[in-house]
Protein backbone atom coordinates (compact mmCIF):
# COMPACT_ATOMS: atom_id res chain seq x y z
CA MET A 1 0.00 0.00 0.00
CA LYS A 2 1.79 3.09 -1.27
CA LEU A 3 1.07 6.18 0.84
CA GLY A 4 1.06 9.78 -0.32
CA PHE A 5 0.56 13.07 1.50
CA VAL A 6 -0.89 16.31 0.21
CA GLY A 7 0.13 18.85 2.84
CA ALA A 8 3.56 19.03 4.45
CA GLY A 9 2.70 20.86 7.66
CA VAL A 10 2.91 19.61 11.22
CA VAL A 11 0.30 16.84 10.92
CA GLY A 12 1.50 15.66 7.53
CA THR A 13 5.10 15.61 8.70
CA ALA A 14 4.35 13.77 11.95
CA LEU A 15 2.20 11.10 10.31
CA SER A 16 4.40 10.51 7.26
CA VAL A 17 7.65 10.32 9.25
CA SER A 18 6.08 8.05 11.87
CA LEU A 19 4.48 5.71 9.32
CA ALA A 20 7.69 5.52 7.29
CA ALA A 21 9.55 4.58 10.48
CA LYS A 22 7.09 1.68 10.88
CA GLY A 23 7.89 0.39 7.40
CA TYR A 24 5.03 1.88 5.41
CA PRO A 25 6.19 3.17 2.01
CA VAL A 26 5.50 6.90 1.73
CA VAL A 27 6.19 7.36 -1.96
CA ALA A 28 5.15 10.95 -2.64
CA VAL A 29 4.41 14.22 -0.89
CA GLY A 30 2.98 17.44 -2.28
CA SER A 31 2.38 20.80 -0.74
CA ARG A 32 1.36 24.36 -1.49
CA THR A 33 5.03 25.15 -2.06
CA ARG A 34 7.60 22.89 -3.70
CA ALA A 35 10.18 23.77 -1.04
CA SER A 36 8.10 22.44 1.85
CA ALA A 37 7.36 19.22 -0.06
CA GLU A 38 11.06 18.75 -0.77
CA ARG A 39 12.00 19.29 2.89
CA LEU A 40 9.59 16.57 3.95
CA ALA A 41 10.55 14.18 1.13
CA GLU A 42 14.18 14.36 2.23
CA ARG A 43 13.15 12.80 5.57
CA LEU A 44 11.35 9.87 3.95
CA PRO A 45 13.23 6.97 2.29
CA GLY A 46 12.30 6.54 -1.36
CA CYS A 47 9.90 9.48 -1.32
CA ARG A 48 9.59 12.12 -4.03
CA ALA A 49 8.32 15.71 -3.85
CA LEU A 50 5.60 15.96 -6.49
CA SER A 51 2.65 18.12 -7.40
CA PRO A 52 -0.60 17.33 -5.55
CA GLN A 53 -2.03 15.78 -8.72
CA GLU A 54 1.03 13.59 -9.15
CA VAL A 55 0.66 12.43 -5.54
CA ALA A 56 -2.97 11.53 -6.28
CA ASP A 57 -1.84 9.59 -9.36
CA GLU A 58 1.01 7.78 -7.59
CA ALA A 59 -0.37 6.70 -4.20
CA ASP A 60 -2.83 3.98 -3.24
CA LEU A 61 -3.83 5.86 -0.09
CA VAL A 62 -3.62 9.65 -0.10
CA PHE A 63 -3.70 11.61 3.16
CA VAL A 64 -4.96 15.18 2.72
CA THR A 65 -3.21 16.94 5.60
CA THR A 66 -3.90 20.53 4.63
CA PRO A 67 -5.68 23.01 6.93
CA ASP A 68 -9.35 22.13 7.30
CA ASP A 69 -10.64 25.00 5.19
CA ALA A 70 -8.49 23.89 2.25
CA ILE A 71 -9.56 20.23 2.14
CA ALA A 72 -12.68 20.64 0.00
CA GLY A 73 -10.89 22.80 -2.57
CA ILE A 74 -7.94 20.42 -2.86
CA VAL A 75 -10.17 17.37 -3.28
CA THR A 76 -12.32 19.15 -5.85
CA ASP A 77 -9.32 20.29 -7.90
CA LEU A 78 -7.65 16.87 -8.17
CA ARG A 79 -8.53 13.88 -10.33
CA TRP A 80 -9.14 10.65 -8.43
CA HIS A 81 -9.69 7.09 -9.59
CA ALA A 82 -11.49 3.97 -8.46
CA GLY A 83 -9.57 1.62 -6.22
CA GLN A 84 -7.56 4.24 -4.35
CA ALA A 85 -8.36 5.69 -0.91
CA VAL A 86 -8.51 9.37 0.07
CA VAL A 87 -8.34 10.27 3.75
CA HIS A 88 -8.39 13.62 5.53
CA CYS A 89 -7.08 14.31 9.02
CA SER A 90 -9.60 16.92 10.19
CA GLY A 91 -11.13 16.53 13.62
CA ALA A 92 -14.31 18.47 12.86
CA ALA A 93 -15.05 17.72 9.18
CA SER A 94 -16.79 14.56 8.07
CA THR A 95 -16.03 12.62 4.91
CA ASP A 96 -18.65 14.73 3.13
CA VAL A 97 -15.82 17.12 2.15
CA LEU A 98 -14.30 14.23 0.18
CA GLY A 99 -17.38 13.94 -2.02
CA PRO A 100 -15.58 14.45 -5.36
CA ALA A 101 -13.19 11.59 -4.59
CA ARG A 102 -16.09 9.35 -3.58
CA SER A 103 -17.92 10.21 -6.81
CA ALA A 104 -14.82 9.17 -8.76
CA GLY A 105 -14.94 5.73 -7.16
CA ALA A 106 -12.32 6.20 -4.44
CA LEU A 107 -12.80 5.00 -0.88
CA VAL A 108 -12.92 7.93 1.56
CA GLY A 109 -12.21 8.22 5.25
CA GLY A 110 -11.18 10.34 8.20
CA PHE A 111 -8.09 9.70 10.32
CA HIS A 112 -7.75 12.24 13.12
CA PRO A 113 -5.08 11.91 15.82
CA LEU A 114 -6.54 13.16 19.11
CA GLN A 115 -3.34 14.93 20.03
CA THR A 116 -1.88 18.42 20.31
CA PHE A 117 0.64 19.19 17.57
CA ALA A 118 2.68 22.27 18.45
CA SER A 119 5.67 21.31 16.27
CA PRO A 120 6.58 18.36 14.03
CA GLU A 121 9.16 16.86 16.41
CA GLN A 122 6.93 17.24 19.44
CA ALA A 123 4.05 15.72 17.49
CA ILE A 124 6.14 12.69 16.50
CA GLN A 125 7.05 12.14 20.14
CA ASN A 126 3.42 12.43 21.26
CA LEU A 127 1.87 10.04 18.74
CA PRO A 128 2.43 6.76 20.65
CA GLY A 129 -0.58 6.21 22.91
CA THR A 130 -2.78 8.61 20.94
CA THR A 131 -6.38 7.75 20.15
CA PHE A 132 -7.29 8.09 16.46
CA ALA A 133 -10.83 8.98 15.42
CA LEU A 134 -11.71 6.97 12.32
CA GLU A 135 -14.57 7.60 9.95
CA ALA A 136 -14.71 5.01 7.18
CA GLU A 137 -16.40 1.87 5.99
CA PRO A 138 -14.70 -1.53 5.54
CA PRO A 139 -12.31 -2.36 3.98
CA LEU A 140 -10.77 1.11 4.42
CA LEU A 141 -11.75 1.15 8.09
CA ASP A 142 -9.63 -1.95 8.67
CA ARG A 143 -6.64 -0.38 6.91
CA LEU A 144 -6.89 2.81 8.96
CA ALA A 145 -7.27 0.83 12.19
CA GLY A 146 -4.08 -1.02 11.27
CA LEU A 147 -2.24 2.27 10.76
CA ALA A 148 -3.43 3.58 14.13
CA THR A 149 -2.25 0.40 15.83
CA ALA A 150 1.10 0.51 14.02
CA LEU A 151 1.62 4.04 15.35
CA GLY A 152 1.22 2.74 18.90
CA GLY A 153 -2.25 4.19 19.29
CA THR A 154 -5.82 3.09 19.85
CA TRP A 155 -8.83 4.03 17.75
CA VAL A 156 -12.51 4.85 17.96
CA ARG A 157 -14.98 4.80 15.08
CA LEU A 158 -17.16 7.89 14.63
CA ARG A 159 -20.23 8.56 12.54
CA PRO A 160 -20.28 11.72 10.40
CA GLU A 161 -22.73 13.38 12.77
CA ASP A 162 -20.39 12.74 15.73
CA LYS A 163 -17.42 14.70 14.41
CA VAL A 164 -18.26 18.23 15.54
CA LEU A 165 -19.09 17.24 19.12
CA TYR A 166 -15.98 15.06 19.21
CA HIS A 167 -13.87 18.03 18.13
CA ALA A 168 -15.57 20.37 20.61
CA ALA A 169 -14.67 17.91 23.37
CA ALA A 170 -11.05 18.03 22.25
CA VAL A 171 -11.12 21.83 22.42
CA PHE A 172 -12.37 21.68 26.02
CA ALA A 173 -9.71 19.17 27.03
CA SER A 174 -6.74 20.78 25.26
CA ASN A 175 -7.22 24.33 24.01
CA TYR A 176 -9.30 25.55 26.91
CA LEU A 177 -6.88 23.98 29.37
CA VAL A 178 -4.34 26.45 27.98
CA THR A 179 -6.87 29.23 28.47
CA LEU A 180 -7.43 28.22 32.09
CA VAL A 181 -3.69 28.20 32.77
CA LYS A 182 -3.47 31.67 31.21
CA LEU A 183 -6.19 32.89 33.59
CA ALA A 184 -4.32 31.32 36.52
CA THR A 185 -1.05 32.98 35.57
CA ASP A 186 -2.86 36.30 35.21
CA LEU A 187 -3.89 35.97 38.85
CA TRP A 188 -0.27 35.33 39.84
CA ARG A 189 0.66 38.62 38.20
CA GLU A 190 -1.68 40.32 40.68
CA PHE A 191 0.78 39.40 43.43
CA GLY A 192 3.90 40.18 41.43
CA VAL A 193 4.85 36.91 39.73
CA GLU A 194 5.24 37.09 35.97
CA THR A 195 3.84 34.55 33.53
CA PRO A 196 6.93 32.37 32.88
CA GLU A 197 7.63 31.86 36.58
CA ALA A 198 3.96 31.30 37.34
CA THR A 199 3.71 28.71 34.57
CA ARG A 200 6.71 26.81 35.93
CA ALA A 201 5.17 26.88 39.39
CA LEU A 202 1.81 25.58 38.15
CA LEU A 203 3.15 22.82 35.88
CA PRO A 204 3.70 20.22 38.63
CA LEU A 205 0.14 20.83 39.81
CA LEU A 206 -1.16 20.35 36.27
CA GLN A 207 0.91 17.21 35.81
CA GLY A 208 -0.29 15.83 39.12
CA THR A 209 -3.89 16.45 38.10
CA LEU A 210 -3.36 14.63 34.81
CA ASN A 211 -1.69 11.76 36.65
CA ASN A 212 -4.70 11.50 38.94
CA LEU A 213 -7.05 11.51 35.97
CA GLY A 214 -5.15 8.61 34.46
CA ARG A 215 -4.69 6.60 37.64
CA VAL A 216 -7.98 6.99 39.51
CA GLY A 217 -10.24 8.58 36.89
CA LEU A 218 -13.37 10.65 37.19
CA PRO A 219 -14.92 11.52 39.61
CA ARG A 220 -12.42 10.27 42.21
CA CYS A 221 -9.57 12.44 40.93
CA LEU A 222 -11.33 15.67 41.92
CA THR A 223 -9.71 17.52 44.82
CA GLY A 224 -10.07 21.04 46.19
CA PRO A 225 -12.63 23.11 48.08
CA ILE A 226 -15.73 22.04 46.16
CA ALA A 227 -14.85 18.35 46.48
CA ARG A 228 -14.48 18.96 50.25
CA GLY A 229 -17.58 21.13 50.57
CA ASP A 230 -15.46 24.01 51.83
CA VAL A 231 -18.02 26.79 51.41
CA GLY A 232 -15.97 29.38 53.30
CA THR A 233 -12.99 29.05 50.98
CA VAL A 234 -15.16 29.38 47.88
CA ARG A 235 -16.78 32.48 49.37
CA ARG A 236 -13.33 34.01 49.94
CA HIS A 237 -12.32 33.16 46.37
CA LEU A 238 -15.35 35.00 45.05
CA ALA A 239 -14.62 38.06 47.15
CA ALA A 240 -10.97 38.15 46.08
CA LEU A 241 -11.85 37.78 42.41
CA GLU A 242 -14.46 40.50 42.64
CA ARG A 243 -11.81 42.87 44.00
CA SER A 244 -8.86 41.91 41.80
CA ALA A 245 -10.15 40.15 38.67
CA PRO A 246 -13.86 40.81 38.16
CA GLY A 247 -13.59 39.90 34.48
CA ILE A 248 -13.18 36.19 35.29
CA LEU A 249 -15.60 36.05 38.22
CA GLU A 250 -18.42 34.56 36.15
CA THR A 251 -15.99 32.01 34.65
CA TYR A 252 -15.11 30.87 38.17
CA ARG A 253 -18.81 30.67 39.09
CA ARG A 254 -19.71 28.65 36.00
CA LEU A 255 -16.85 26.19 36.41
CA GLY A 256 -17.67 25.86 40.09
CA ARG A 257 -21.28 25.00 39.31
CA GLU A 258 -20.13 22.30 36.89
CA THR A 259 -17.74 20.95 39.54
CA ILE A 260 -20.47 20.48 42.16
CA ALA A 261 -21.83 17.48 40.26
CA ILE A 262 -18.38 15.88 40.18
CA GLY A 263 -17.92 16.35 43.91
CA THR A 264 -21.34 14.87 44.55
CA ALA A 265 -20.56 11.85 42.34
CA LYS A 266 -17.27 11.35 44.18
CA GLY A 267 -19.22 11.09 47.44
CA THR A 268 -17.18 13.66 49.39
CA LEU A 269 -19.66 16.52 48.91
CA ASP A 270 -22.84 16.02 50.94
CA PRO A 271 -26.20 17.24 49.59
CA ALA A 272 -26.56 20.12 52.04
CA ARG A 273 -23.14 21.56 51.18
CA ALA A 274 -23.79 21.00 47.50
CA GLU A 275 -26.99 23.00 47.73
CA GLU A 276 -25.22 25.79 49.64
CA LEU A 277 -22.45 25.93 47.06
CA GLY A 278 -25.01 26.00 44.28
CA ARG A 279 -26.65 29.05 45.78
CA LEU A 280 -23.31 30.74 46.37
CA LEU A 281 -22.01 30.12 42.87
CA GLY A 282 -25.33 30.71 41.18
CA ASP A 283 -26.27 34.16 42.39
CA GLY A 284 -23.48 35.25 44.73
CA THR A 285 -25.68 35.31 47.84
């Protein structure tokens, strides 16, 4: 099965280099610029930098690893043929964007690594253990599952209508975690500690939280004042935020209200304290 990639960015680089290292023949790569395709091809044994159409002509399975908004245009512009497979790596888009390839007789699928890709090298390091979201029908589904397994990952099959909620969940777990850390470091600046130092101080706490999530899971991993039913501490938090950071007060309230249910499920937050916290976080009384 000869693999080709259209798109030589972070995702395309991470997947092609990792699959080549597992023995899969990546025979051709194409990109918006010839230079980026050549840089990637140099890392892949026996691979050539070609035009996107030449990649489509050469490969049995073509990964479209362009930005999401470019997928439909790329697939529409290229000529496809029966017997080959065309796969995109978007988390939010379904295989509907691959309609022209399907109409030409190609098998179509989605292959999304549920991972954060800040740089190609970091992405390559993070791939083992990653879950891959697959959208395809057999026999392509079986091929994509084999690729996910070869990369050291696991996989889950999604329906087209699942993709947007799946991607929104990823945004909560990854992107908005960054946002929450930014809000936390902003609070540290209120008492004179700048962002880099605050980030270093918070990282062990973040890593400990992730370790707890992995080892004991939800809801048992929850700690802190809401898990303990510590109403007084939450009241002091609200007062301090109102004085020093009123812009994030409602964010704290909303997250606190969501956390009450976790504390209740854990069994450490009794119903009376949960009700009191709900009133406190709901209307500030």
